Amino acid sequence: MVLAEIRRGRPLDLRLELGRRIVDICAEVLGVPERTVLVEFTVHTGDEILRDGAWAGEWTHAEASSLRSDTNERS
């Protein structure tokens, strides 16, 4: 079981993509069958997550755009 604490506002398709990638990585690295990997998302508001000494703030669609371009640059 993988527990993912995320900020509210992320679209379902983005969470689905993340969950599938987590399952793939667990299967590859740990050698477990994909069907045995469970990913559970717990959604929080930005004022429930402290990061670098400050509240994380609400999630924005601009973050998704910057994350996808970072991922593409690494590929």
Protein backbone atom coordinates (compact mmCIF):
# COMPACT_ATOMS: atom_id res chain seq x y z
CA MET A 1 0.00 0.00 0.00
CA VAL A 2 1.28 3.43 -0.96
CA LEU A 3 -0.24 6.42 0.82
CA ALA A 4 -0.05 9.69 -1.10
CA GLU A 5 -0.84 12.94 0.70
CA ILE A 6 -1.77 15.53 -1.94
CA ARG A 7 -3.28 19.00 -2.07
CA ARG A 8 -6.89 19.48 -3.07
CA GLY A 9 -7.52 20.61 -6.63
CA ARG A 10 -5.60 18.06 -8.64
CA PRO A 11 -7.82 16.71 -11.43
CA LEU A 12 -8.83 13.05 -11.40
CA ASP A 13 -6.86 12.31 -14.57
CA LEU A 14 -3.67 13.68 -12.99
CA ARG A 15 -4.18 11.55 -9.88
CA LEU A 16 -4.88 8.52 -12.05
CA GLU A 17 -1.66 9.11 -14.00
CA LEU A 18 0.32 9.46 -10.77
CA GLY A 19 -1.26 6.34 -9.29
CA ARG A 20 -0.49 4.28 -12.38
CA ARG A 21 3.12 5.46 -12.40
CA ILE A 22 3.50 4.57 -8.71
CA VAL A 23 2.14 1.08 -9.42
CA ASP A 24 4.53 0.65 -12.36
CA ILE A 25 7.53 1.74 -10.29
CA CYS A 26 6.62 -0.52 -7.35
CA ALA A 27 6.20 -3.49 -9.69
CA GLU A 28 9.52 -2.81 -11.41
CA VAL A 29 11.65 -1.96 -8.36
CA LEU A 30 10.11 -4.29 -5.80
CA GLY A 31 9.25 -7.10 -8.17
CA VAL A 32 5.65 -7.37 -6.98
CA PRO A 33 2.64 -7.99 -9.22
CA GLU A 34 0.92 -4.75 -10.24
CA ARG A 35 -2.42 -6.08 -9.03
CA THR A 36 -1.07 -6.23 -5.47
CA VAL A 37 -0.09 -2.53 -5.32
CA LEU A 38 -2.73 -0.27 -3.78
CA VAL A 39 -2.41 3.51 -3.97
CA GLU A 40 -4.52 5.59 -1.60
CA PHE A 41 -4.79 9.36 -2.01
CA THR A 42 -5.58 11.58 0.95
CA VAL A 43 -6.55 15.07 -0.18
CA HIS A 44 -5.69 18.12 1.93
CA THR A 45 -6.14 21.86 1.69
CA GLY A 46 -2.96 23.89 1.24
CA ASP A 47 -3.04 25.03 4.86
CA GLU A 48 -2.75 21.44 6.08
CA ILE A 49 0.65 20.81 4.47
CA LEU A 50 3.81 22.48 5.70
CA ARG A 51 6.69 22.60 3.22
CA ASP A 52 10.00 24.45 3.63
CA GLY A 53 8.71 26.20 6.76
CA ALA A 54 5.58 27.64 5.11
CA TRP A 55 2.11 26.47 4.16
CA ALA A 56 2.07 24.76 0.79
CA GLY A 57 -0.86 26.85 -0.46
CA GLU A 58 -3.57 25.73 -2.81
CA TRP A 59 -2.68 23.66 -5.86
CA THR A 60 -2.89 25.45 -9.21
CA HIS A 61 -3.12 24.25 -12.81
CA ALA A 62 0.08 26.19 -13.55
CA GLU A 63 1.93 23.69 -11.34
CA ALA A 64 0.72 20.84 -13.55
CA SER A 65 2.06 22.59 -16.62
CA SER A 66 5.46 23.18 -15.03
CA LEU A 67 5.65 19.59 -13.75
CA ARG A 68 4.85 18.13 -17.16
CA SER A 69 7.50 20.28 -18.88
CA ASP A 70 10.08 19.25 -16.24
CA THR A 71 9.23 15.60 -16.84
CA ASN A 72 9.52 16.00 -20.61
CA GLU A 73 12.92 17.68 -20.27
CA ARG A 74 14.25 14.74 -18.22
CA SER A 75 13.08 12.12 -20.73
